[in-house]
Amino acid sequence: YCRHRETLEVLADRISHAERQMADGVGGTAEYRGLLKLRDVEARAAANLAVKLRLTNQSRYTPKAAKTATKNASKGVRPWEV
């Protein structure tokens, strides 16, 4: 899982670099598309492993516990309503 996450960070940097090159008219879209495909593969692999390692919120709560947690959650102002 950690290696997939690290690879995703590296790919994000390379994608940003490729986007800047394309904006400057230097880079091509073939490399950019290839990087996007690699990022998709890595993201799916990381998500799959997160589920299998039970790192997702859904795997941590039973339906009853999730309902209770939601019910007891703070009723304060939401960040997007500020």
Protein backbone atom coordinates (compact mmCIF):
# COMPACT_ATOMS: atom_id res chain seq x y z
CA TYR A 1 0.00 0.00 0.00
CA CYS A 2 2.76 2.43 0.95
CA ARG A 3 4.64 1.83 -2.30
CA HIS A 4 1.50 2.49 -4.32
CA ARG A 5 0.92 5.73 -2.41
CA GLU A 6 4.53 6.81 -2.97
CA THR A 7 4.23 6.01 -6.68
CA LEU A 8 1.05 8.11 -6.81
CA GLU A 9 2.93 11.08 -5.36
CA VAL A 10 5.74 10.69 -7.89
CA LEU A 11 3.22 10.42 -10.73
CA ALA A 12 1.40 13.53 -9.49
CA ASP A 13 4.65 15.49 -9.71
CA ARG A 14 5.39 14.16 -13.18
CA ILE A 15 1.85 14.95 -14.34
CA SER A 16 2.18 18.52 -13.05
CA HIS A 17 5.49 18.85 -14.89
CA ALA A 18 3.95 17.47 -18.09
CA GLU A 19 1.02 19.90 -17.77
CA ARG A 20 3.43 22.83 -17.47
CA GLN A 21 5.35 21.62 -20.53
CA MET A 22 2.13 21.28 -22.53
CA ALA A 23 1.09 24.80 -21.51
CA ASP A 24 4.47 26.08 -22.75
CA GLY A 25 4.02 24.17 -26.00
CA VAL A 26 7.05 21.95 -25.33
CA GLY A 27 5.58 18.59 -24.28
CA GLY A 28 3.33 16.19 -26.09
CA THR A 29 0.06 14.69 -25.03
CA ALA A 30 1.18 11.07 -25.51
CA GLU A 31 3.39 11.13 -22.41
CA TYR A 32 0.69 12.98 -20.48
CA ARG A 33 -1.95 10.38 -21.36
CA GLY A 34 0.45 7.59 -20.40
CA LEU A 35 1.05 9.18 -17.01
CA LEU A 36 -2.69 9.55 -16.43
CA LYS A 37 -3.20 5.87 -17.21
CA LEU A 38 -0.42 4.89 -14.81
CA ARG A 39 -1.95 7.09 -12.11
CA ASP A 40 -5.32 5.42 -12.62
CA VAL A 41 -3.78 1.95 -12.28
CA GLU A 42 -1.88 2.93 -9.14
CA ALA A 43 -4.90 4.64 -7.57
CA ARG A 44 -7.06 1.58 -8.13
CA ALA A 45 -4.38 -0.69 -6.67
CA ALA A 46 -3.97 1.55 -3.60
CA ALA A 47 -7.74 1.74 -3.07
CA ASN A 48 -8.06 -2.02 -3.41
CA LEU A 49 -5.32 -2.58 -0.83
CA ALA A 50 -6.84 0.01 1.52
CA VAL A 51 -10.08 -1.96 1.48
CA LYS A 52 -8.32 -5.27 1.99
CA LEU A 53 -6.25 -3.83 4.85
CA ARG A 54 -9.47 -2.43 6.33
CA LEU A 55 -8.19 1.15 6.29
CA THR A 56 -11.43 2.62 4.96
CA ASN A 57 -14.03 4.16 7.26
CA GLN A 58 -16.64 1.73 6.03
CA SER A 59 -14.61 -1.22 7.31
CA ARG A 60 -14.16 0.32 10.75
CA TYR A 61 -17.82 0.73 11.62
CA THR A 62 -20.75 -1.60 11.77
CA PRO A 63 -23.93 -0.06 10.36
CA LYS A 64 -25.30 0.45 13.88
CA ALA A 65 -22.08 2.10 15.10
CA ALA A 66 -22.02 4.38 12.04
CA LYS A 67 -25.60 5.47 12.72
CA THR A 68 -24.76 6.22 16.35
CA ALA A 69 -21.62 8.15 15.39
CA THR A 70 -23.57 10.21 12.86
CA LYS A 71 -26.32 10.88 15.38
CA ASN A 72 -23.81 12.01 18.04
CA ALA A 73 -21.72 14.10 15.64
CA SER A 74 -21.31 17.79 16.27
CA LYS A 75 -24.21 19.88 15.02
CA GLY A 76 -21.98 22.96 14.62
CA VAL A 77 -21.39 25.08 11.56
CA ARG A 78 -20.02 23.16 8.60
CA PRO A 79 -16.73 24.49 7.12
CA TRP A 80 -18.33 25.31 3.77
CA GLU A 81 -21.08 27.35 5.44
CA VAL A 82 -18.63 29.81 7.03
